Amino acid sequence: MSGGDTAGRLVRPFTLTGGRTSPSRADFTLITTVTAVDPPPTWATRSQPEHQRILRRCAQPIAVAELAALLDLPVSVVVIMLCDLLEEGWITARPPHPVSRTPDMDLLQKVRDGLGRL
């Protein structure tokens, strides 16, 4: 962990969210992909240091769970902070691709056959 990332551990998580315990939006999951957009010129003076850390980590698309792990923060805290950043227009969020509900019978047959050979 770099020296700039250790500052997050010195602050209790509830202070990072201003005491909020639930996100303002329900569209973030563990596998939602977030990406920073070009921040407005005043982003450095208007955002908290923790928001800046998130924006740096989101320079490339990253899943919410991975971001929380890299920041060493609870997912619930990261999601609340991501909601702030999304509402400010500083990040984009892409939901996971839906999984087909129709089973692939050929694949299931191959798995069954493979298990039978064990």
PDB file of N, CA and C in Angstrom:
ATOM      1  N   MET A   1       0.845  -1.163   0.000  1.00  0.00           N
ATOM      2  CA  MET A   1       0.000   0.000   0.000  1.00  0.00           C
ATOM      3  C   MET A   1       0.898   1.235   0.000  1.00  0.00           C
ATOM      4  N   SER A   2       0.598   2.210  -0.843  1.00  0.00           N
ATOM      5  CA  SER A   2       1.428   3.408  -0.926  1.00  0.00           C
ATOM      6  C   SER A   2       1.123   4.336   0.232  1.00  0.00           C
ATOM      7  N   GLY A   3       2.006   5.285   0.470  1.00  0.00           N
ATOM      8  CA  GLY A   3       1.859   6.191   1.598  1.00  0.00           C
ATOM      9  C   GLY A   3       0.573   6.983   1.558  1.00  0.00           C
ATOM     10  N   GLY A   4       0.078   7.344   0.374  1.00  0.00           N
ATOM     11  CA  GLY A   4      -1.150   8.112   0.258  1.00  0.00           C
ATOM     12  C   GLY A   4      -2.379   7.322   0.647  1.00  0.00           C
ATOM     13  N   ASP A   5      -2.333   6.005   0.538  1.00  0.00           N
ATOM     14  CA  ASP A   5      -3.492   5.187   0.845  1.00  0.00           C
ATOM     15  C   ASP A   5      -3.641   4.908   2.333  1.00  0.00           C
ATOM     16  N   THR A   6      -2.617   5.104   3.121  1.00  0.00           N
ATOM     17  CA  THR A   6      -2.708   4.799   4.543  1.00  0.00           C
ATOM     18  C   THR A   6      -3.571   5.808   5.286  1.00  0.00           C
ATOM     19  N   ALA A   7      -3.788   6.982   4.738  1.00  0.00           N
ATOM     20  CA  ALA A   7      -4.588   8.000   5.414  1.00  0.00           C
ATOM     21  C   ALA A   7      -6.018   7.528   5.635  1.00  0.00           C
ATOM     22  N   GLY A   8      -6.558   6.707   4.742  1.00  0.00           N
ATOM     23  CA  GLY A   8      -7.929   6.229   4.870  1.00  0.00           C
ATOM     24  C   GLY A   8      -8.154   5.397   6.112  1.00  0.00           C
ATOM     25  N   ARG A   9      -7.157   4.707   6.578  1.00  0.00           N
ATOM     26  CA  ARG A   9      -7.312   3.858   7.759  1.00  0.00           C
ATOM     27  C   ARG A   9      -7.379   4.656   9.048  1.00  0.00           C
ATOM     28  N   LEU A  10      -6.916   5.880   9.042  1.00  0.00           N
ATOM     29  CA  LEU A  10      -6.895   6.688  10.245  1.00  0.00           C
ATOM     30  C   LEU A  10      -8.258   7.295  10.556  1.00  0.00           C
ATOM     31  N   VAL A  11      -9.190   7.216   9.616  1.00  0.00           N
ATOM     32  CA  VAL A  11     -10.504   7.810   9.776  1.00  0.00           C
ATOM     33  C   VAL A  11     -11.526   6.699   9.906  1.00  0.00           C
ATOM     34  N   ARG A  12     -12.409   6.817  10.881  1.00  0.00           N
ATOM     35  CA  ARG A  12     -13.450   5.807  11.055  1.00  0.00           C
ATOM     36  C   ARG A  12     -14.394   5.851   9.854  1.00  0.00           C
ATOM     37  N   PRO A  13     -14.822   4.684   9.384  1.00  0.00           N
ATOM     38  CA  PRO A  13     -15.656   4.641   8.176  1.00  0.00           C
ATOM     39  C   PRO A  13     -16.901   5.516   8.219  1.00  0.00           C
ATOM     40  N   PHE A  14     -17.589   5.589   9.355  1.00  0.00           N
ATOM     41  CA  PHE A  14     -18.825   6.380   9.389  1.00  0.00           C
ATOM     42  C   PHE A  14     -18.551   7.870   9.209  1.00  0.00           C
ATOM     43  N   THR A  15     -17.347   8.324   9.510  1.00  0.00           N
ATOM     44  CA  THR A  15     -17.038   9.734   9.284  1.00  0.00           C
ATOM     45  C   THR A  15     -16.830  10.017   7.798  1.00  0.00           C
ATOM     46  N   LEU A  16     -16.426   9.016   7.045  1.00  0.00           N
ATOM     47  CA  LEU A  16     -16.245   9.191   5.605  1.00  0.00           C
ATOM     48  C   LEU A  16     -17.568   9.420   4.901  1.00  0.00           C
ATOM     49  N   THR A  17     -18.639   8.910   5.482  1.00  0.00           N
ATOM     50  CA  THR A  17     -19.961   9.026   4.854  1.00  0.00           C
ATOM     51  C   THR A  17     -20.816  10.102   5.508  1.00  0.00           C
ATOM     52  N   GLY A  18     -20.240  10.865   6.403  1.00  0.00           N
ATOM     53  CA  GLY A  18     -21.007  11.890   7.094  1.00  0.00           C
ATOM     54  C   GLY A  18     -22.075  11.289   7.995  1.00  0.00           C
ATOM     55  N   GLY A  19     -21.824  10.081   8.495  1.00  0.00           N
ATOM     56  CA  GLY A  19     -22.779   9.419   9.376  1.00  0.00           C
ATOM     57  C   GLY A  19     -23.863   8.649   8.641  1.00  0.00           C
ATOM     58  N   ARG A  20     -23.889   8.724   7.323  1.00  0.00           N
ATOM     59  CA  ARG A  20     -24.907   7.994   6.555  1.00  0.00           C
ATOM     60  C   ARG A  20     -24.603   6.498   6.595  1.00  0.00           C
ATOM     61  N   THR A  21     -25.660   5.707   6.712  1.00  0.00           N
ATOM     62  CA  THR A  21     -25.473   4.259   6.787  1.00  0.00           C
ATOM     63  C   THR A  21     -26.059   3.514   5.595  1.00  0.00           C
ATOM     64  N   SER A  22     -26.755   4.234   4.717  1.00  0.00           N
ATOM     65  CA  SER A  22     -27.297   3.574   3.525  1.00  0.00           C
ATOM     66  C   SER A  22     -27.069   4.467   2.311  1.00  0.00           C
ATOM     67  N   PRO A  23     -26.869   3.838   1.161  1.00  0.00           N
ATOM     68  CA  PRO A  23     -26.610   4.602  -0.057  1.00  0.00           C
ATOM     69  C   PRO A  23     -27.865   5.328  -0.543  1.00  0.00           C
ATOM     70  N   SER A  24     -27.659   6.372  -1.313  1.00  0.00           N
ATOM     71  CA  SER A  24     -28.787   7.131  -1.858  1.00  0.00           C
ATOM     72  C   SER A  24     -29.362   6.467  -3.105  1.00  0.00           C
ATOM     73  N   ARG A  25     -28.668   5.459  -3.610  1.00  0.00           N
ATOM     74  CA  ARG A  25     -29.103   4.737  -4.807  1.00  0.00           C
ATOM     75  C   ARG A  25     -28.993   3.242  -4.543  1.00  0.00           C
ATOM     76  N   ALA A  26     -29.747   2.470  -5.310  1.00  0.00           N
ATOM     77  CA  ALA A  26     -29.723   1.020  -5.112  1.00  0.00           C
ATOM     78  C   ALA A  26     -29.105   0.295  -6.297  1.00  0.00           C
ATOM     79  N   ASP A  27     -28.414   1.021  -7.186  1.00  0.00           N
ATOM     80  CA  ASP A  27     -27.925   0.375  -8.402  1.00  0.00           C
ATOM     81  C   ASP A  27     -26.478  -0.093  -8.338  1.00  0.00           C
ATOM     82  N   PHE A  28     -25.854  -0.072  -7.165  1.00  0.00           N
ATOM     83  CA  PHE A  28     -24.490  -0.582  -7.029  1.00  0.00           C
ATOM     84  C   PHE A  28     -24.524  -1.982  -6.429  1.00  0.00           C
ATOM     85  N   THR A  29     -23.853  -2.917  -7.092  1.00  0.00           N
ATOM     86  CA  THR A  29     -23.680  -4.260  -6.558  1.00  0.00           C
ATOM     87  C   THR A  29     -22.177  -4.482  -6.409  1.00  0.00           C
ATOM     88  N   LEU A  30     -21.805  -5.633  -5.889  1.00  0.00           N
ATOM     89  CA  LEU A  30     -20.380  -5.943  -5.741  1.00  0.00           C
ATOM     90  C   LEU A  30     -19.659  -5.976  -7.077  1.00  0.00           C
ATOM     91  N   ILE A  31     -20.375  -6.323  -8.141  1.00  0.00           N
ATOM     92  CA  ILE A  31     -19.715  -6.455  -9.438  1.00  0.00           C
ATOM     93  C   ILE A  31     -20.064  -5.334 -10.412  1.00  0.00           C
ATOM     94  N   THR A  32     -20.687  -4.271  -9.918  1.00  0.00           N
ATOM     95  CA  THR A  32     -20.886  -3.087 -10.748  1.00  0.00           C
ATOM     96  C   THR A  32     -19.513  -2.519 -11.072  1.00  0.00           C
ATOM     97  N   THR A  33     -19.310  -2.133 -12.322  1.00  0.00           N
ATOM     98  CA  THR A  33     -18.028  -1.566 -12.743  1.00  0.00           C
ATOM     99  C   THR A  33     -18.127  -0.050 -12.721  1.00  0.00           C
ATOM    100  N   VAL A  34     -17.182   0.587 -12.054  1.00  0.00           N
ATOM    101  CA  VAL A  34     -17.157   2.049 -11.982  1.00  0.00           C
ATOM    102  C   VAL A  34     -15.897   2.571 -12.658  1.00  0.00           C
ATOM    103  N   THR A  35     -16.035   3.740 -13.284  1.00  0.00           N
ATOM    104  CA  THR A  35     -14.927   4.366 -13.983  1.00  0.00           C
ATOM    105  C   THR A  35     -15.006   5.867 -13.754  1.00  0.00           C
ATOM    106  N   ALA A  36     -13.873   6.489 -13.469  1.00  0.00           N
ATOM    107  CA  ALA A  36     -13.825   7.939 -13.299  1.00  0.00           C
ATOM    108  C   ALA A  36     -13.947   8.613 -14.653  1.00  0.00           C
ATOM    109  N   VAL A  37     -14.665   9.716 -14.686  1.00  0.00           N
ATOM    110  CA  VAL A  37     -14.738  10.541 -15.885  1.00  0.00           C
ATOM    111  C   VAL A  37     -13.772  11.699 -15.687  1.00  0.00           C
ATOM    112  N   ASP A  38     -13.543  12.460 -16.733  1.00  0.00           N
ATOM    113  CA  ASP A  38     -12.665  13.617 -16.575  1.00  0.00           C
ATOM    114  C   ASP A  38     -13.283  14.539 -15.535  1.00  0.00           C
ATOM    115  N   PRO A  39     -12.638  14.706 -14.396  1.00  0.00           N
ATOM    116  CA  PRO A  39     -13.232  15.524 -13.326  1.00  0.00           C
ATOM    117  C   PRO A  39     -13.230  17.007 -13.702  1.00  0.00           C
ATOM    118  N   PRO A  40     -14.182  17.751 -13.151  1.00  0.00           N
ATOM    119  CA  PRO A  40     -14.184  19.198 -13.376  1.00  0.00           C
ATOM    120  C   PRO A  40     -12.943  19.829 -12.755  1.00  0.00           C
ATOM    121  N   PRO A  41     -12.520  20.997 -13.210  1.00  0.00           N
ATOM    122  CA  PRO A  41     -11.282  21.610 -12.711  1.00  0.00           C
ATOM    123  C   PRO A  41     -11.248  21.810 -11.197  1.00  0.00           C
ATOM    124  N   THR A  42     -12.381  21.943 -10.567  1.00  0.00           N
ATOM    125  CA  THR A  42     -12.398  22.214  -9.125  1.00  0.00           C
ATOM    126  C   THR A  42     -12.515  20.961  -8.281  1.00  0.00           C
ATOM    127  N   TRP A  43     -12.381  19.781  -8.892  1.00  0.00           N
ATOM    128  CA  TRP A  43     -12.620  18.550  -8.128  1.00  0.00           C
ATOM    129  C   TRP A  43     -11.673  18.397  -6.955  1.00  0.00           C
ATOM    130  N   ALA A  44     -10.434  18.809  -7.097  1.00  0.00           N
ATOM    131  CA  ALA A  44      -9.454  18.603  -6.024  1.00  0.00           C
ATOM    132  C   ALA A  44      -9.775  19.439  -4.795  1.00  0.00           C
ATOM    133  N   THR A  45     -10.360  20.596  -4.981  1.00  0.00           N
ATOM    134  CA  THR A  45     -10.655  21.444  -3.832  1.00  0.00           C
ATOM    135  C   THR A  45     -12.035  21.170  -3.250  1.00  0.00           C
ATOM    136  N   ARG A  46     -12.925  20.564  -4.033  1.00  0.00           N
ATOM    137  CA  ARG A  46     -14.287  20.351  -3.568  1.00  0.00           C
ATOM    138  C   ARG A  46     -14.529  18.970  -2.984  1.00  0.00           C
ATOM    139  N   SER A  47     -13.671  18.026  -3.251  1.00  0.00           N
ATOM    140  CA  SER A  47     -13.935  16.657  -2.784  1.00  0.00           C
ATOM    141  C   SER A  47     -13.069  16.308  -1.580  1.00  0.00           C
ATOM    142  N   GLN A  48     -13.537  15.323  -0.833  1.00  0.00           N
ATOM    143  CA  GLN A  48     -12.781  14.815   0.305  1.00  0.00           C
ATOM    144  C   GLN A  48     -11.581  14.021  -0.209  1.00  0.00           C
ATOM    145  N   PRO A  49     -10.547  13.885   0.600  1.00  0.00           N
ATOM    146  CA  PRO A  49      -9.395  13.067   0.183  1.00  0.00           C
ATOM    147  C   PRO A  49      -9.796  11.640  -0.185  1.00  0.00           C
ATOM    148  N   GLU A  50     -10.792  11.090   0.518  1.00  0.00           N
ATOM    149  CA  GLU A  50     -11.224   9.727   0.225  1.00  0.00           C
ATOM    150  C   GLU A  50     -11.867   9.638  -1.154  1.00  0.00           C
ATOM    151  N   HIS A  51     -12.612  10.677  -1.530  1.00  0.00           N
ATOM    152  CA  HIS A  51     -13.182  10.706  -2.879  1.00  0.00           C
ATOM    153  C   HIS A  51     -12.062  10.765  -3.920  1.00  0.00           C
ATOM    154  N   GLN A  52     -11.035  11.508  -3.633  1.00  0.00           N
ATOM    155  CA  GLN A  52      -9.897  11.594  -4.548  1.00  0.00           C
ATOM    156  C   GLN A  52      -9.221  10.231  -4.697  1.00  0.00           C
ATOM    157  N   ARG A  53      -9.093   9.492  -3.598  1.00  0.00           N
ATOM    158  CA  ARG A  53      -8.510   8.142  -3.653  1.00  0.00           C
ATOM    159  C   ARG A  53      -9.345   7.235  -4.551  1.00  0.00           C
ATOM    160  N   ILE A  54     -10.659   7.313  -4.399  1.00  0.00           N
ATOM    161  CA  ILE A  54     -11.546   6.505  -5.229  1.00  0.00           C
ATOM    162  C   ILE A  54     -11.375   6.880  -6.697  1.00  0.00           C
ATOM    163  N   LEU A  55     -11.352   8.169  -6.988  1.00  0.00           N
ATOM    164  CA  LEU A  55     -11.216   8.612  -8.375  1.00  0.00           C
ATOM    165  C   LEU A  55      -9.899   8.136  -8.991  1.00  0.00           C
ATOM    166  N   ARG A  56      -8.837   8.152  -8.208  1.00  0.00           N
ATOM    167  CA  ARG A  56      -7.549   7.661  -8.732  1.00  0.00           C
ATOM    168  C   ARG A  56      -7.633   6.170  -9.050  1.00  0.00           C
ATOM    169  N   ARG A  57      -8.259   5.398  -8.175  1.00  0.00           N
ATOM    170  CA  ARG A  57      -8.389   3.945  -8.392  1.00  0.00           C
ATOM    171  C   ARG A  57      -9.327   3.636  -9.553  1.00  0.00           C
ATOM    172  N   CYS A  58     -10.254   4.554  -9.830  1.00  0.00           N
ATOM    173  CA  CYS A  58     -11.233   4.334 -10.896  1.00  0.00           C
ATOM    174  C   CYS A  58     -10.775   4.892 -12.241  1.00  0.00           C
ATOM    175  N   ALA A  59      -9.500   5.228 -12.365  1.00  0.00           N
ATOM    176  CA  ALA A  59      -9.003   5.727 -13.652  1.00  0.00           C
ATOM    177  C   ALA A  59      -9.235   4.675 -14.736  1.00  0.00           C
ATOM    178  N   GLN A  60      -9.152   3.412 -14.356  1.00  0.00           N
ATOM    179  CA  GLN A  60      -9.490   2.285 -15.230  1.00  0.00           C
ATOM    180  C   GLN A  60     -10.725   1.624 -14.623  1.00  0.00           C
ATOM    181  N   PRO A  61     -11.575   1.007 -15.447  1.00  0.00           N
ATOM    182  CA  PRO A  61     -12.785   0.354 -14.896  1.00  0.00           C
ATOM    183  C   PRO A  61     -12.415  -0.645 -13.800  1.00  0.00           C
ATOM    184  N   ILE A  62     -13.208  -0.617 -12.725  1.00  0.00           N
ATOM    185  CA  ILE A  62     -12.944  -1.484 -11.585  1.00  0.00           C
ATOM    186  C   ILE A  62     -14.270  -1.865 -10.934  1.00  0.00           C
ATOM    187  N   ALA A  63     -14.353  -3.092 -10.432  1.00  0.00           N
ATOM    188  CA  ALA A  63     -15.560  -3.558  -9.744  1.00  0.00           C
ATOM    189  C   ALA A  63     -15.610  -2.967  -8.338  1.00  0.00           C
ATOM    190  N   VAL A  64     -16.809  -2.761  -7.849  1.00  0.00           N
ATOM    191  CA  VAL A  64     -17.003  -2.181  -6.518  1.00  0.00           C
ATOM    192  C   VAL A  64     -16.280  -3.012  -5.453  1.00  0.00           C
ATOM    193  N   ALA A  65     -16.396  -4.323  -5.494  1.00  0.00           N
ATOM    194  CA  ALA A  65     -15.749  -5.180  -4.493  1.00  0.00           C
ATOM    195  C   ALA A  65     -14.235  -5.030  -4.530  1.00  0.00           C
ATOM    196  N   GLU A  66     -13.672  -4.983  -5.726  1.00  0.00           N
ATOM    197  CA  GLU A  66     -12.223  -4.827  -5.852  1.00  0.00           C
ATOM    198  C   GLU A  66     -11.777  -3.464  -5.332  1.00  0.00           C
ATOM    199  N   LEU A  67     -12.556  -2.435  -5.638  1.00  0.00           N
ATOM    200  CA  LEU A  67     -12.239  -1.094  -5.165  1.00  0.00           C
ATOM    201  C   LEU A  67     -12.237  -1.041  -3.640  1.00  0.00           C
ATOM    202  N   ALA A  68     -13.244  -1.626  -3.020  1.00  0.00           N
ATOM    203  CA  ALA A  68     -13.311  -1.645  -1.554  1.00  0.00           C
ATOM    204  C   ALA A  68     -12.108  -2.368  -0.967  1.00  0.00           C
ATOM    205  N   ALA A  69     -11.717  -3.473  -1.588  1.00  0.00           N
ATOM    206  CA  ALA A  69     -10.558  -4.224  -1.096  1.00  0.00           C
ATOM    207  C   ALA A  69      -9.278  -3.404  -1.227  1.00  0.00           C
ATOM    208  N   LEU A  70      -9.093  -2.738  -2.342  1.00  0.00           N
ATOM    209  CA  LEU A  70      -7.889  -1.929  -2.545  1.00  0.00           C
ATOM    210  C   LEU A  70      -7.828  -0.743  -1.589  1.00  0.00           C
ATOM    211  N   LEU A  71      -8.981  -0.189  -1.273  1.00  0.00           N
ATOM    212  CA  LEU A  71      -9.035   0.957  -0.363  1.00  0.00           C
ATOM    213  C   LEU A  71      -9.049   0.534   1.105  1.00  0.00           C
ATOM    214  N   ASP A  72      -9.205  -0.770   1.351  1.00  0.00           N
ATOM    215  CA  ASP A  72      -9.277  -1.308   2.707  1.00  0.00           C
ATOM    216  C   ASP A  72     -10.416  -0.653   3.490  1.00  0.00           C
ATOM    217  N   LEU A  73     -11.587  -0.560   2.823  1.00  0.00           N
ATOM    218  CA  LEU A  73     -12.781   0.025   3.431  1.00  0.00           C
ATOM    219  C   LEU A  73     -13.950  -0.945   3.258  1.00  0.00           C
ATOM    220  N   PRO A  74     -14.934  -0.881   4.153  1.00  0.00           N
ATOM    221  CA  PRO A  74     -16.119  -1.718   3.982  1.00  0.00           C
ATOM    222  C   PRO A  74     -16.850  -1.362   2.683  1.00  0.00           C
ATOM    223  N   VAL A  75     -17.403  -2.372   2.033  1.00  0.00           N
ATOM    224  CA  VAL A  75     -18.120  -2.151   0.778  1.00  0.00           C
ATOM    225  C   VAL A  75     -19.239  -1.135   0.981  1.00  0.00           C
ATOM    226  N   SER A  76     -19.944  -1.218   2.090  1.00  0.00           N
ATOM    227  CA  SER A  76     -21.067  -0.298   2.333  1.00  0.00           C
ATOM    228  C   SER A  76     -20.608   1.164   2.334  1.00  0.00           C
ATOM    229  N   VAL A  77     -19.452   1.427   2.887  1.00  0.00           N
ATOM    230  CA  VAL A  77     -18.909   2.791   2.912  1.00  0.00           C
ATOM    231  C   VAL A  77     -18.516   3.227   1.503  1.00  0.00           C
ATOM    232  N   VAL A  78     -17.867   2.342   0.767  1.00  0.00           N
ATOM    233  CA  VAL A  78     -17.451   2.661  -0.595  1.00  0.00           C
ATOM    234  C   VAL A  78     -18.669   2.947  -1.468  1.00  0.00           C
ATOM    235  N   VAL A  79     -19.725   2.160  -1.322  1.00  0.00           N
ATOM    236  CA  VAL A  79     -20.932   2.368  -2.127  1.00  0.00           C
ATOM    237  C   VAL A  79     -21.549   3.737  -1.829  1.00  0.00           C
ATOM    238  N   ILE A  80     -21.605   4.129  -0.579  1.00  0.00           N
ATOM    239  CA  ILE A  80     -22.150   5.447  -0.236  1.00  0.00           C
ATOM    240  C   ILE A  80     -21.310   6.542  -0.882  1.00  0.00           C
ATOM    241  N   MET A  81     -19.999   6.387  -0.838  1.00  0.00           N
ATOM    242  CA  MET A  81     -19.128   7.388  -1.445  1.00  0.00           C
ATOM    243  C   MET A  81     -19.240   7.373  -2.970  1.00  0.00           C
ATOM    244  N   LEU A  82     -19.420   6.194  -3.555  1.00  0.00           N
ATOM    245  CA  LEU A  82     -19.614   6.110  -5.005  1.00  0.00           C
ATOM    246  C   LEU A  82     -20.914   6.796  -5.422  1.00  0.00           C
ATOM    247  N   CYS A  83     -21.943   6.680  -4.600  1.00  0.00           N
ATOM    248  CA  CYS A  83     -23.196   7.385  -4.886  1.00  0.00           C
ATOM    249  C   CYS A  83     -22.955   8.889  -4.961  1.00  0.00           C
ATOM    250  N   ASP A  84     -22.174   9.417  -4.021  1.00  0.00           N
ATOM    251  CA  ASP A  84     -21.834  10.842  -4.037  1.00  0.00           C
ATOM    252  C   ASP A  84     -21.150  11.216  -5.347  1.00  0.00           C
ATOM    253  N   LEU A  85     -20.162  10.411  -5.737  1.00  0.00           N
ATOM    254  CA  LEU A  85     -19.388  10.699  -6.943  1.00  0.00           C
ATOM    255  C   LEU A  85     -20.236  10.564  -8.199  1.00  0.00           C
ATOM    256  N   LEU A  86     -21.141   9.599  -8.218  1.00  0.00           N
ATOM    257  CA  LEU A  86     -22.019   9.425  -9.378  1.00  0.00           C
ATOM    258  C   LEU A  86     -22.969  10.616  -9.502  1.00  0.00           C
ATOM    259  N   GLU A  87     -23.519  11.055  -8.386  1.00  0.00           N
ATOM    260  CA  GLU A  87     -24.438  12.192  -8.402  1.00  0.00           C
ATOM    261  C   GLU A  87     -23.735  13.486  -8.814  1.00  0.00           C
ATOM    262  N   GLU A  88     -22.443  13.590  -8.533  1.00  0.00           N
ATOM    263  CA  GLU A  88     -21.657  14.758  -8.955  1.00  0.00           C
ATOM    264  C   GLU A  88     -21.215  14.654 -10.415  1.00  0.00           C
ATOM    265  N   GLY A  89     -21.385  13.460 -10.993  1.00  0.00           N
ATOM    266  CA  GLY A  89     -20.982  13.266 -12.384  1.00  0.00           C
ATOM    267  C   GLY A  89     -19.505  12.956 -12.553  1.00  0.00           C
ATOM    268  N   TRP A  90     -18.843  12.509 -11.492  1.00  0.00           N
ATOM    269  CA  TRP A  90     -17.401  12.244 -11.541  1.00  0.00           C
ATOM    270  C   TRP A  90     -17.058  10.809 -11.888  1.00  0.00           C
ATOM    271  N   ILE A  91     -18.063   9.914 -11.831  1.00  0.00           N
ATOM    272  CA  ILE A  91     -17.840   8.524 -12.224  1.00  0.00           C
ATOM    273  C   ILE A  91     -19.026   8.061 -13.070  1.00  0.00           C
ATOM    274  N   THR A  92     -18.805   6.965 -13.779  1.00  0.00           N
ATOM    275  CA  THR A  92     -19.902   6.262 -14.435  1.00  0.00           C
ATOM    276  C   THR A  92     -19.979   4.881 -13.801  1.00  0.00           C
ATOM    277  N   ALA A  93     -21.162   4.326 -13.793  1.00  0.00           N
ATOM    278  CA  ALA A  93     -21.373   2.988 -13.230  1.00  0.00           C
ATOM    279  C   ALA A  93     -22.032   2.125 -14.293  1.00  0.00           C
ATOM    280  N   ARG A  94     -21.466   0.957 -14.503  1.00  0.00           N
ATOM    281  CA  ARG A  94     -22.008   0.024 -15.491  1.00  0.00           C
ATOM    282  C   ARG A  94     -22.431  -1.245 -14.757  1.00  0.00           C
ATOM    283  N   PRO A  95     -23.725  -1.572 -14.821  1.00  0.00           N
ATOM    284  CA  PRO A  95     -24.186  -2.792 -14.138  1.00  0.00           C
ATOM    285  C   PRO A  95     -23.618  -4.035 -14.815  1.00  0.00           C
ATOM    286  N   PRO A  96     -23.588  -5.136 -14.087  1.00  0.00           N
ATOM    287  CA  PRO A  96     -23.108  -6.386 -14.688  1.00  0.00           C
ATOM    288  C   PRO A  96     -24.039  -6.823 -15.807  1.00  0.00           C
ATOM    289  N   HIS A  97     -23.495  -7.575 -16.746  1.00  0.00           N
ATOM    290  CA  HIS A  97     -24.313  -8.117 -17.825  1.00  0.00           C
ATOM    291  C   HIS A  97     -25.259  -9.159 -17.251  1.00  0.00           C
ATOM    292  N   PRO A  98     -26.512  -9.121 -17.666  1.00  0.00           N
ATOM    293  CA  PRO A  98     -27.449 -10.129 -17.144  1.00  0.00           C
ATOM    294  C   PRO A  98     -27.049 -11.525 -17.590  1.00  0.00           C
ATOM    295  N   VAL A  99     -27.280 -12.470 -16.705  1.00  0.00           N
ATOM    296  CA  VAL A  99     -26.973 -13.865 -16.982  1.00  0.00           C
ATOM    297  C   VAL A  99     -28.222 -14.502 -17.585  1.00  0.00           C
ATOM    298  N   SER A 100     -28.029 -15.294 -18.596  1.00  0.00           N
ATOM    299  CA  SER A 100     -29.145 -15.970 -19.242  1.00  0.00           C
ATOM    300  C   SER A 100     -29.804 -16.930 -18.260  1.00  0.00           C
ATOM    301  N   ARG A 101     -31.109 -16.928 -18.233  1.00  0.00           N
ATOM    302  CA  ARG A 101     -31.860 -17.828 -17.350  1.00  0.00           C
ATOM    303  C   ARG A 101     -32.095 -19.185 -18.021  1.00  0.00           C
ATOM    304  N   THR A 102     -31.805 -19.279 -19.308  1.00  0.00           N
ATOM    305  CA  THR A 102     -32.002 -20.516 -20.038  1.00  0.00           C
ATOM    306  C   THR A 102     -30.756 -21.383 -19.903  1.00  0.00           C
ATOM    307  N   PRO A 103     -30.878 -22.555 -19.316  1.00  0.00           N
ATOM    308  CA  PRO A 103     -29.691 -23.407 -19.155  1.00  0.00           C
ATOM    309  C   PRO A 103     -29.212 -23.934 -20.508  1.00  0.00           C
ATOM    310  N   ASP A 104     -27.914 -24.037 -20.650  1.00  0.00           N
ATOM    311  CA  ASP A 104     -27.304 -24.611 -21.838  1.00  0.00           C
ATOM    312  C   ASP A 104     -27.273 -26.120 -21.627  1.00  0.00           C
ATOM    313  N   MET A 105     -28.219 -26.813 -22.233  1.00  0.00           N
ATOM    314  CA  MET A 105     -28.362 -28.249 -22.001  1.00  0.00           C
ATOM    315  C   MET A 105     -27.131 -29.025 -22.462  1.00  0.00           C
ATOM    316  N   ASP A 106     -26.496 -28.582 -23.550  1.00  0.00           N
ATOM    317  CA  ASP A 106     -25.295 -29.259 -24.033  1.00  0.00           C
ATOM    318  C   ASP A 106     -24.177 -29.153 -22.995  1.00  0.00           C
ATOM    319  N   LEU A 107     -24.016 -27.959 -22.436  1.00  0.00           N
ATOM    320  CA  LEU A 107     -22.983 -27.764 -21.412  1.00  0.00           C
ATOM    321  C   LEU A 107     -23.290 -28.604 -20.170  1.00  0.00           C
ATOM    322  N   LEU A 108     -24.543 -28.606 -19.746  1.00  0.00           N
ATOM    323  CA  LEU A 108     -24.921 -29.399 -18.571  1.00  0.00           C
ATOM    324  C   LEU A 108     -24.676 -30.887 -18.800  1.00  0.00           C
ATOM    325  N   GLN A 109     -24.951 -31.359 -20.010  1.00  0.00           N
ATOM    326  CA  GLN A 109     -24.708 -32.772 -20.326  1.00  0.00           C
ATOM    327  C   GLN A 109     -23.221 -33.094 -20.251  1.00  0.00           C
ATOM    328  N   LYS A 110     -22.370 -32.177 -20.777  1.00  0.00           N
ATOM    329  CA  LYS A 110     -20.925 -32.384 -20.740  1.00  0.00           C
ATOM    330  C   LYS A 110     -20.410 -32.402 -19.299  1.00  0.00           C
ATOM    331  N   VAL A 111     -20.964 -31.526 -18.458  1.00  0.00           N
ATOM    332  CA  VAL A 111     -20.554 -31.509 -17.049  1.00  0.00           C
ATOM    333  C   VAL A 111     -20.966 -32.812 -16.384  1.00  0.00           C
ATOM    334  N   ARG A 112     -22.193 -33.261 -16.651  1.00  0.00           N
ATOM    335  CA  ARG A 112     -22.661 -34.517 -16.063  1.00  0.00           C
ATOM    336  C   ARG A 112     -21.791 -35.696 -16.503  1.00  0.00           C
ATOM    337  N   ASP A 113     -21.470 -35.730 -17.789  1.00  0.00           N
ATOM    338  CA  ASP A 113     -20.622 -36.808 -18.305  1.00  0.00           C
ATOM    339  C   ASP A 113     -19.229 -36.766 -17.668  1.00  0.00           C
ATOM    340  N   GLY A 114     -18.693 -35.551 -17.540  1.00  0.00           N
ATOM    341  CA  GLY A 114     -17.367 -35.399 -16.931  1.00  0.00           C
ATOM    342  C   GLY A 114     -17.361 -35.832 -15.478  1.00  0.00           C
ATOM    343  N   LEU A 115     -18.405 -35.471 -14.743  1.00  0.00           N
ATOM    344  CA  LEU A 115     -18.497 -35.890 -13.345  1.00  0.00           C
ATOM    345  C   LEU A 115     -18.665 -37.395 -13.242  1.00  0.00           C
ATOM    346  N   GLY A 116     -19.390 -37.972 -14.186  1.00  0.00           N
ATOM    347  CA  GLY A 116     -19.579 -39.427 -14.187  1.00  0.00           C
ATOM    348  C   GLY A 116     -18.271 -40.172 -14.403  1.00  0.00           C
ATOM    349  N   ARG A 117     -17.344 -39.568 -15.125  1.00  0.00           N
ATOM    350  CA  ARG A 117     -16.056 -40.215 -15.380  1.00  0.00           C
ATOM    351  C   ARG A 117     -15.100 -40.117 -14.182  1.00  0.00           C
ATOM    352  N   LEU A 118     -15.407 -39.263 -13.257  1.00  0.00           N
ATOM    353  CA  LEU A 118     -14.538 -39.118 -12.072  1.00  0.00           C
ATOM    354  C   LEU A 118     -14.733 -40.287 -11.212  1.00  0.00           C
TER     355      LEU A 118
END
